[in-house]
PDB file of all heavy atoms in Angstrom:
ATOM      1  N   ARG A   1       0.802  -1.181   0.033  1.00  0.00           N
ATOM      2  CA  ARG A   1       0.000  -0.018   0.042  1.00  0.00           C
ATOM      3  C   ARG A   1       0.818   1.245   0.017  1.00  0.00           C
ATOM      4  O   ARG A   1       0.557   2.241  -0.691  1.00  0.00           O
ATOM      5  CB  ARG A   1      -0.902  -0.014   1.213  1.00  0.00           C
ATOM      6  CG  ARG A   1      -2.119  -0.906   1.022  1.00  0.00           C
ATOM      7  CD  ARG A   1      -3.159  -0.679   2.170  1.00  0.00           C
ATOM      8  NE  ARG A   1      -3.783  -1.991   2.465  1.00  0.00           N
ATOM      9  CZ  ARG A   1      -3.554  -2.744   3.508  1.00  0.00           C
ATOM     10  NH1 ARG A   1      -2.749  -2.358   4.394  1.00  0.00           N
ATOM     11  NH2 ARG A   1      -4.149  -3.918   3.626  1.00  0.00           N
ATOM     12  N   ALA A   2       1.946   1.287   0.784  1.00  0.00           N
ATOM     13  CA  ALA A   2       2.861   2.375   0.900  1.00  0.00           C
ATOM     14  C   ALA A   2       3.480   2.683  -0.504  1.00  0.00           C
ATOM     15  O   ALA A   2       3.793   3.839  -0.792  1.00  0.00           O
ATOM     16  CB  ALA A   2       3.903   2.176   1.963  1.00  0.00           C
ATOM     17  N   LEU A   3       3.677   1.673  -1.273  1.00  0.00           N
ATOM     18  CA  LEU A   3       4.253   1.866  -2.631  1.00  0.00           C
ATOM     19  C   LEU A   3       3.148   2.218  -3.667  1.00  0.00           C
ATOM     20  O   LEU A   3       3.532   2.443  -4.820  1.00  0.00           O
ATOM     21  CB  LEU A   3       4.938   0.529  -3.117  1.00  0.00           C
ATOM     22  CG  LEU A   3       6.193   0.147  -2.283  1.00  0.00           C
ATOM     23  CD1 LEU A   3       6.641  -1.261  -2.583  1.00  0.00           C
ATOM     24  CD2 LEU A   3       7.341   1.140  -2.565  1.00  0.00           C
ATOM     25  N   GLY A   4       1.936   2.314  -3.255  1.00  0.00           N
ATOM     26  CA  GLY A   4       0.882   2.689  -4.118  1.00  0.00           C
ATOM     27  C   GLY A   4       0.372   1.571  -4.994  1.00  0.00           C
ATOM     28  O   GLY A   4      -0.280   1.809  -6.024  1.00  0.00           O
ATOM     29  N   LEU A   5       0.693   0.334  -4.598  1.00  0.00           N
ATOM     30  CA  LEU A   5       0.236  -0.814  -5.374  1.00  0.00           C
ATOM     31  C   LEU A   5      -0.997  -1.380  -4.737  1.00  0.00           C
ATOM     32  O   LEU A   5      -1.354  -1.156  -3.575  1.00  0.00           O
ATOM     33  CB  LEU A   5       1.305  -1.852  -5.472  1.00  0.00           C
ATOM     34  CG  LEU A   5       2.615  -1.417  -6.113  1.00  0.00           C
ATOM     35  CD1 LEU A   5       3.724  -2.431  -6.019  1.00  0.00           C
ATOM     36  CD2 LEU A   5       2.432  -0.992  -7.572  1.00  0.00           C
ATOM     37  N   GLY A   6      -1.754  -2.273  -5.502  1.00  0.00           N
ATOM     38  CA  GLY A   6      -2.926  -2.841  -4.985  1.00  0.00           C
ATOM     39  C   GLY A   6      -2.828  -4.339  -4.809  1.00  0.00           C
ATOM     40  O   GLY A   6      -1.757  -4.943  -4.987  1.00  0.00           O
ATOM     41  N   TYR A   7      -3.977  -4.985  -4.538  1.00  0.00           N
ATOM     42  CA  TYR A   7      -4.059  -6.365  -4.294  1.00  0.00           C
ATOM     43  C   TYR A   7      -3.562  -7.191  -5.496  1.00  0.00           C
ATOM     44  O   TYR A   7      -2.755  -8.169  -5.264  1.00  0.00           O
ATOM     45  CB  TYR A   7      -5.526  -6.799  -3.951  1.00  0.00           C
ATOM     46  CG  TYR A   7      -5.699  -8.300  -3.960  1.00  0.00           C
ATOM     47  CD1 TYR A   7      -5.314  -9.025  -2.833  1.00  0.00           C
ATOM     48  CD2 TYR A   7      -6.191  -8.926  -5.031  1.00  0.00           C
ATOM     49  CE1 TYR A   7      -5.397 -10.415  -2.803  1.00  0.00           C
ATOM     50  CE2 TYR A   7      -6.323 -10.329  -5.055  1.00  0.00           C
ATOM     51  CZ  TYR A   7      -5.952 -11.073  -3.928  1.00  0.00           C
ATOM     52  OH  TYR A   7      -6.083 -12.436  -3.956  1.00  0.00           O
ATOM     53  N   GLN A   8      -3.969  -6.850  -6.715  1.00  0.00           N
ATOM     54  CA  GLN A   8      -3.553  -7.643  -7.884  1.00  0.00           C
ATOM     55  C   GLN A   8      -2.070  -7.586  -8.075  1.00  0.00           C
ATOM     56  O   GLN A   8      -1.451  -8.630  -8.413  1.00  0.00           O
ATOM     57  CB  GLN A   8      -4.301  -7.140  -9.126  1.00  0.00           C
ATOM     58  CG  GLN A   8      -5.804  -7.486  -9.047  1.00  0.00           C
ATOM     59  CD  GLN A   8      -6.539  -7.002 -10.292  1.00  0.00           C
ATOM     60  OE1 GLN A   8      -6.148  -6.055 -10.925  1.00  0.00           O
ATOM     61  NE2 GLN A   8      -7.704  -7.665 -10.551  1.00  0.00           N
ATOM     62  N   ASP A   9      -1.476  -6.439  -7.865  1.00  0.00           N
ATOM     63  CA  ASP A   9       0.036  -6.325  -7.945  1.00  0.00           C
ATOM     64  C   ASP A   9       0.674  -7.184  -6.896  1.00  0.00           C
ATOM     65  O   ASP A   9       1.656  -7.914  -7.188  1.00  0.00           O
ATOM     66  CB  ASP A   9       0.446  -4.919  -7.796  1.00  0.00           C
ATOM     67  CG  ASP A   9      -0.102  -3.975  -8.841  1.00  0.00           C
ATOM     68  OD1 ASP A   9      -0.007  -4.326 -10.035  1.00  0.00           O
ATOM     69  OD2 ASP A   9      -0.637  -2.925  -8.542  1.00  0.00           O
ATOM     70  N   ALA A  10       0.172  -7.126  -5.647  1.00  0.00           N
ATOM     71  CA  ALA A  10       0.767  -7.954  -4.562  1.00  0.00           C
ATOM     72  C   ALA A  10       0.590  -9.405  -4.841  1.00  0.00           C
ATOM     73  O   ALA A  10       1.562 -10.170  -4.646  1.00  0.00           O
ATOM     74  CB  ALA A  10       0.016  -7.572  -3.247  1.00  0.00           C
ATOM     75  N   HIS A  11      -0.537  -9.837  -5.355  1.00  0.00           N
ATOM     76  CA  HIS A  11      -0.761 -11.255  -5.697  1.00  0.00           C
ATOM     77  C   HIS A  11       0.270 -11.654  -6.775  1.00  0.00           C
ATOM     78  O   HIS A  11       0.826 -12.769  -6.665  1.00  0.00           O
ATOM     79  CB  HIS A  11      -2.212 -11.446  -6.174  1.00  0.00           C
ATOM     80  CG  HIS A  11      -2.525 -12.833  -6.418  1.00  0.00           C
ATOM     81  ND1 HIS A  11      -2.520 -13.399  -7.677  1.00  0.00           N
ATOM     82  CD2 HIS A  11      -2.918 -13.845  -5.543  1.00  0.00           C
ATOM     83  CE1 HIS A  11      -2.817 -14.715  -7.556  1.00  0.00           C
ATOM     84  NE2 HIS A  11      -3.068 -15.002  -6.364  1.00  0.00           N
ATOM     85  N   ALA A  12       0.401 -10.852  -7.803  1.00  0.00           N
ATOM     86  CA  ALA A  12       1.326 -11.206  -8.907  1.00  0.00           C
ATOM     87  C   ALA A  12       2.750 -11.270  -8.392  1.00  0.00           C
ATOM     88  O   ALA A  12       3.515 -12.303  -8.734  1.00  0.00           O
ATOM     89  CB  ALA A  12       1.202 -10.223 -10.043  1.00  0.00           C
ATOM     90  N   LEU A  13       3.163 -10.443  -7.512  1.00  0.00           N
ATOM     91  CA  LEU A  13       4.504 -10.457  -6.951  1.00  0.00           C
ATOM     92  C   LEU A  13       4.702 -11.680  -6.077  1.00  0.00           C
ATOM     93  O   LEU A  13       5.798 -12.313  -6.160  1.00  0.00           O
ATOM     94  CB  LEU A  13       4.778  -9.200  -6.117  1.00  0.00           C
ATOM     95  CG  LEU A  13       4.858  -7.867  -6.943  1.00  0.00           C
ATOM     96  CD1 LEU A  13       4.830  -6.638  -6.030  1.00  0.00           C
ATOM     97  CD2 LEU A  13       6.178  -7.870  -7.791  1.00  0.00           C
ATOM     98  N   LEU A  14       3.694 -12.019  -5.287  1.00  0.00           N
ATOM     99  CA  LEU A  14       3.837 -13.277  -4.505  1.00  0.00           C
ATOM    100  C   LEU A  14       3.935 -14.541  -5.332  1.00  0.00           C
ATOM    101  O   LEU A  14       4.673 -15.434  -5.025  1.00  0.00           O
ATOM    102  CB  LEU A  14       2.655 -13.396  -3.488  1.00  0.00           C
ATOM    103  CG  LEU A  14       2.690 -12.550  -2.252  1.00  0.00           C
ATOM    104  CD1 LEU A  14       1.429 -12.584  -1.475  1.00  0.00           C
ATOM    105  CD2 LEU A  14       3.932 -12.895  -1.407  1.00  0.00           C
ATOM    106  N   THR A  15       3.071 -14.568  -6.408  1.00  0.00           N
ATOM    107  CA  THR A  15       3.074 -15.670  -7.270  1.00  0.00           C
ATOM    108  C   THR A  15       4.481 -15.842  -7.875  1.00  0.00           C
ATOM    109  O   THR A  15       5.054 -17.004  -7.956  1.00  0.00           O
ATOM    110  CB  THR A  15       2.047 -15.502  -8.358  1.00  0.00           C
ATOM    111  OG1 THR A  15       0.808 -15.325  -7.696  1.00  0.00           O
ATOM    112  CG2 THR A  15       1.997 -16.661  -9.338  1.00  0.00           C
ATOM    113  N   THR A  16       5.073 -14.786  -8.337  1.00  0.00           N
ATOM    114  CA  THR A  16       6.440 -14.788  -8.848  1.00  0.00           C
ATOM    115  C   THR A  16       7.466 -15.274  -7.822  1.00  0.00           C
ATOM    116  O   THR A  16       8.329 -16.073  -8.042  1.00  0.00           O
ATOM    117  CB  THR A  16       6.827 -13.461  -9.468  1.00  0.00           C
ATOM    118  OG1 THR A  16       5.869 -13.082 -10.457  1.00  0.00           O
ATOM    119  CG2 THR A  16       8.211 -13.455 -10.051  1.00  0.00           C
ATOM    120  N   ALA A  17       7.288 -14.750  -6.600  1.00  0.00           N
ATOM    121  CA  ALA A  17       8.204 -15.033  -5.507  1.00  0.00           C
ATOM    122  C   ALA A  17       8.132 -16.521  -5.201  1.00  0.00           C
ATOM    123  O   ALA A  17       9.219 -17.121  -4.833  1.00  0.00           O
ATOM    124  CB  ALA A  17       7.935 -14.222  -4.270  1.00  0.00           C
ATOM    125  N   PHE A  18       6.957 -17.137  -5.273  1.00  0.00           N
ATOM    126  CA  PHE A  18       6.880 -18.554  -4.995  1.00  0.00           C
ATOM    127  C   PHE A  18       7.277 -19.449  -6.238  1.00  0.00           C
ATOM    128  O   PHE A  18       7.278 -20.651  -6.172  1.00  0.00           O
ATOM    129  CB  PHE A  18       5.430 -18.928  -4.620  1.00  0.00           C
ATOM    130  CG  PHE A  18       5.178 -18.668  -3.161  1.00  0.00           C
ATOM    131  CD1 PHE A  18       4.427 -17.624  -2.769  1.00  0.00           C
ATOM    132  CD2 PHE A  18       5.571 -19.559  -2.232  1.00  0.00           C
ATOM    133  CE1 PHE A  18       4.142 -17.413  -1.429  1.00  0.00           C
ATOM    134  CE2 PHE A  18       5.333 -19.416  -0.847  1.00  0.00           C
ATOM    135  CZ  PHE A  18       4.627 -18.272  -0.472  1.00  0.00           C
ATOM    136  N   GLY A  19       7.675 -18.733  -7.341  1.00  0.00           N
ATOM    137  CA  GLY A  19       8.131 -19.507  -8.505  1.00  0.00           C
ATOM    138  C   GLY A  19       6.991 -20.118  -9.317  1.00  0.00           C
ATOM    139  O   GLY A  19       7.211 -21.040 -10.024  1.00  0.00           O
ATOM    140  N   LEU A  20       5.785 -19.512  -9.216  1.00  0.00           N
ATOM    141  CA  LEU A  20       4.640 -20.014  -9.924  1.00  0.00           C
ATOM    142  C   LEU A  20       4.379 -19.125 -11.098  1.00  0.00           C
ATOM    143  O   LEU A  20       4.834 -18.010 -11.194  1.00  0.00           O
ATOM    144  CB  LEU A  20       3.369 -20.031  -9.010  1.00  0.00           C
ATOM    145  CG  LEU A  20       3.564 -20.860  -7.739  1.00  0.00           C
ATOM    146  CD1 LEU A  20       2.348 -20.647  -6.803  1.00  0.00           C
ATOM    147  CD2 LEU A  20       3.739 -22.318  -8.007  1.00  0.00           C
ATOM    148  N   LYS A  21       3.645 -19.646 -12.060  1.00  0.00           N
ATOM    149  CA  LYS A  21       3.285 -18.851 -13.289  1.00  0.00           C
ATOM    150  C   LYS A  21       2.232 -17.863 -12.761  1.00  0.00           C
ATOM    151  O   LYS A  21       1.234 -18.245 -12.182  1.00  0.00           O
ATOM    152  CB  LYS A  21       2.733 -19.738 -14.384  1.00  0.00           C
ATOM    153  CG  LYS A  21       2.479 -18.938 -15.609  1.00  0.00           C
ATOM    154  CD  LYS A  21       1.950 -19.862 -16.761  1.00  0.00           C
ATOM    155  CE  LYS A  21       1.597 -19.055 -17.910  1.00  0.00           C
ATOM    156  NZ  LYS A  21       1.036 -19.850 -18.992  1.00  0.00           N
ATOM    157  N   ALA A  22       2.440 -16.565 -13.075  1.00  0.00           N
ATOM    158  CA  ALA A  22       1.540 -15.509 -12.708  1.00  0.00           C
ATOM    159  C   ALA A  22       0.240 -15.676 -13.438  1.00  0.00           C
ATOM    160  O   ALA A  22       0.167 -15.998 -14.630  1.00  0.00           O
ATOM    161  CB  ALA A  22       2.136 -14.139 -12.989  1.00  0.00           C
ATOM    162  N   PRO A  23      -0.897 -15.581 -12.657  1.00  0.00           N
ATOM    163  CA  PRO A  23      -2.219 -15.712 -13.303  1.00  0.00           C
ATOM    164  C   PRO A  23      -2.513 -14.521 -14.177  1.00  0.00           C
ATOM    165  O   PRO A  23      -2.057 -13.464 -14.013  1.00  0.00           O
ATOM    166  CB  PRO A  23      -3.170 -15.781 -12.099  1.00  0.00           C
ATOM    167  CG  PRO A  23      -2.491 -15.020 -10.998  1.00  0.00           C
ATOM    168  CD  PRO A  23      -1.031 -15.300 -11.286  1.00  0.00           C
ATOM    169  N   ARG A  24      -3.328 -14.716 -15.159  1.00  0.00           N
ATOM    170  CA  ARG A  24      -3.771 -13.668 -16.094  1.00  0.00           C
ATOM    171  C   ARG A  24      -4.818 -12.860 -15.336  1.00  0.00           C
ATOM    172  O   ARG A  24      -5.893 -13.426 -15.058  1.00  0.00           O
ATOM    173  CB  ARG A  24      -4.238 -14.184 -17.424  1.00  0.00           C
ATOM    174  CG  ARG A  24      -4.447 -13.126 -18.390  1.00  0.00           C
ATOM    175  CD  ARG A  24      -4.340 -13.806 -19.779  1.00  0.00           C
ATOM    176  NE  ARG A  24      -4.699 -12.812 -20.811  1.00  0.00           N
ATOM    177  CZ  ARG A  24      -3.850 -11.949 -21.332  1.00  0.00           C
ATOM    178  NH1 ARG A  24      -2.675 -11.900 -20.951  1.00  0.00           N
ATOM    179  NH2 ARG A  24      -4.266 -11.112 -22.333  1.00  0.00           N
ATOM    180  N   LEU A  25      -4.559 -11.631 -14.996  1.00  0.00           N
ATOM    181  CA  LEU A  25      -5.462 -10.793 -14.223  1.00  0.00           C
ATOM    182  C   LEU A  25      -6.496 -10.165 -15.143  1.00  0.00           C
ATOM    183  O   LEU A  25      -6.179  -9.866 -16.266  1.00  0.00           O
ATOM    184  CB  LEU A  25      -4.752  -9.751 -13.376  1.00  0.00           C
ATOM    185  CG  LEU A  25      -3.735 -10.310 -12.432  1.00  0.00           C
ATOM    186  CD1 LEU A  25      -2.913  -9.282 -11.785  1.00  0.00           C
ATOM    187  CD2 LEU A  25      -4.429 -11.201 -11.349  1.00  0.00           C
ATOM    188  N   PRO A  26      -7.699  -9.868 -14.620  1.00  0.00           N
ATOM    189  CA  PRO A  26      -8.787  -9.257 -15.428  1.00  0.00           C
ATOM    190  C   PRO A  26      -8.304  -7.955 -16.046  1.00  0.00           C
ATOM    191  O   PRO A  26      -8.557  -7.727 -17.218  1.00  0.00           O
ATOM    192  CB  PRO A  26      -9.856  -9.028 -14.453  1.00  0.00           C
ATOM    193  CG  PRO A  26      -9.643  -9.969 -13.335  1.00  0.00           C
ATOM    194  CD  PRO A  26      -8.137 -10.163 -13.246  1.00  0.00           C
ATOM    195  N   HIS A  27      -7.466  -7.118 -15.336  1.00  0.00           N
ATOM    196  CA  HIS A  27      -7.063  -5.903 -15.978  1.00  0.00           C
ATOM    197  C   HIS A  27      -6.134  -6.109 -17.132  1.00  0.00           C
ATOM    198  O   HIS A  27      -5.946  -5.258 -17.984  1.00  0.00           O
ATOM    199  CB  HIS A  27      -6.538  -4.889 -14.861  1.00  0.00           C
ATOM    200  CG  HIS A  27      -5.184  -5.216 -14.412  1.00  0.00           C
ATOM    201  ND1 HIS A  27      -4.958  -6.172 -13.430  1.00  0.00           N
ATOM    202  CD2 HIS A  27      -3.984  -4.701 -14.756  1.00  0.00           C
ATOM    203  CE1 HIS A  27      -3.678  -6.260 -13.165  1.00  0.00           C
ATOM    204  NE2 HIS A  27      -3.040  -5.349 -13.966  1.00  0.00           N
ATOM    205  N   ASP A  28      -5.425  -7.219 -17.086  1.00  0.00           N
ATOM    206  CA  ASP A  28      -4.495  -7.554 -18.231  1.00  0.00           C
ATOM    207  C   ASP A  28      -5.348  -7.834 -19.527  1.00  0.00           C
ATOM    208  O   ASP A  28      -4.991  -7.418 -20.580  1.00  0.00           O
ATOM    209  CB  ASP A  28      -3.615  -8.790 -17.909  1.00  0.00           C
ATOM    210  CG  ASP A  28      -2.658  -8.588 -16.826  1.00  0.00           C
ATOM    211  OD1 ASP A  28      -2.342  -7.398 -16.557  1.00  0.00           O
ATOM    212  OD2 ASP A  28      -2.155  -9.550 -16.234  1.00  0.00           O
ATOM    213  N   ASP A  29      -6.476  -8.570 -19.339  1.00  0.00           N
ATOM    214  CA  ASP A  29      -7.348  -8.859 -20.485  1.00  0.00           C
ATOM    215  C   ASP A  29      -7.864  -7.593 -21.070  1.00  0.00           C
ATOM    216  O   ASP A  29      -7.975  -7.375 -22.230  1.00  0.00           O
ATOM    217  CB  ASP A  29      -8.458  -9.769 -20.055  1.00  0.00           C
ATOM    218  CG  ASP A  29      -8.042 -11.206 -19.703  1.00  0.00           C
ATOM    219  OD1 ASP A  29      -6.937 -11.560 -20.160  1.00  0.00           O
ATOM    220  OD2 ASP A  29      -8.767 -11.907 -18.963  1.00  0.00           O
ATOM    221  N   GLN A  30      -8.290  -6.695 -20.136  1.00  0.00           N
ATOM    222  CA  GLN A  30      -8.943  -5.432 -20.613  1.00  0.00           C
ATOM    223  C   GLN A  30      -7.908  -4.605 -21.397  1.00  0.00           C
ATOM    224  O   GLN A  30      -8.210  -4.005 -22.380  1.00  0.00           O
ATOM    225  CB  GLN A  30      -9.416  -4.669 -19.422  1.00  0.00           C
ATOM    226  CG  GLN A  30     -10.626  -5.320 -18.817  1.00  0.00           C
ATOM    227  CD  GLN A  30     -11.010  -4.682 -17.449  1.00  0.00           C
ATOM    228  OE1 GLN A  30     -10.297  -3.776 -16.999  1.00  0.00           O
ATOM    229  NE2 GLN A  30     -12.105  -5.145 -16.892  1.00  0.00           N
TER     230      GLN A  30
END
């Protein structure tokens, strides 16, 4: 939050940190 990021950004960063393929987020499709 302090960096101005939201839940979707946090989720994508965690997914990458765990070495998983990042899910395609709704805002990416849009």
